[in-house]
Amino acid sequence: MWWTSLRRLEGEFWRAVKIIGDEALRRRVERFLGKAFKRLEGEGLNFFEAPAGRSQHHAYAGGLVQHTLSTLRIALAMVENLARYYGFRTINKDYVAAGVLLHDLYKPLTYRVTTEGSYEFSKLGSRLDHLTLLVADASKMGFPLDFLHVLAASHGEWGPMPPRTMEALIVHLADLTDSKFAGQISRAAQNILRGQGKPIPTTLTMKEALKVIVGFKP
């Protein structure tokens, strides 16, 4: 079941790449993904089996692709809301979609699995953050400067620079929303399990955490 779910998410990820309407940008994204995945095979974790974080959110196998796809839906909804309710229709939707799909691409380079089954920084990750690695490689692929900014600013005030375009702001806020949401759900489930005297799994998935919360009766 776990493997089947990951393969389904992998298919959804590649379908999401196809929503990038700008053909030149889409092809560049596809080439970049191909090169990045080859690098991950030799140096890091598999993208589709990697966590999105070590402990704060989506800290389990498959968490990264779940987080990426969830963040994409949030970001595209923000683009739609700006147009529908505020009449703002000049957002580069392709930059938003491509930015979300790539923003955590190199996280698997910075993590390794511990003997306990949790995650910690790899040797590379202890010296360089994933955004530095991402922008360094992306800048060699001929991406436009404003798109590179979307990647560089995706962590907002916690990254190398704050968002200075609407596209960068949307990607950052969508990423922050999904990670904060998942993190709070995970911590709530852990608190419930702790209060019940039950063991807390080394890697608590969102599905498991939600099941704990729904079944909790104070």
Foldseek 3Di string as FASTA:
>chain_A
DVVVVLVVLVVVLVVLLVVLPPVVVSVLLVVLLVVLQVVCVPQFPRQQQQALDQAQFRFGTRNRSVLLVQLLVQLVVVQVCCCPPVVDNPDNNNLLSSLSSQLSSQVRNQWDADPLGTIDGDPVNVPDPRLVVSLVVSVVSPDDPLSSLLNQQLCAPVGPHHDDDPSSVSNNVSSVVSSNVRSVLLVVLVVLCVVVVHDDDSRQGSVNSVVSVVPDDD
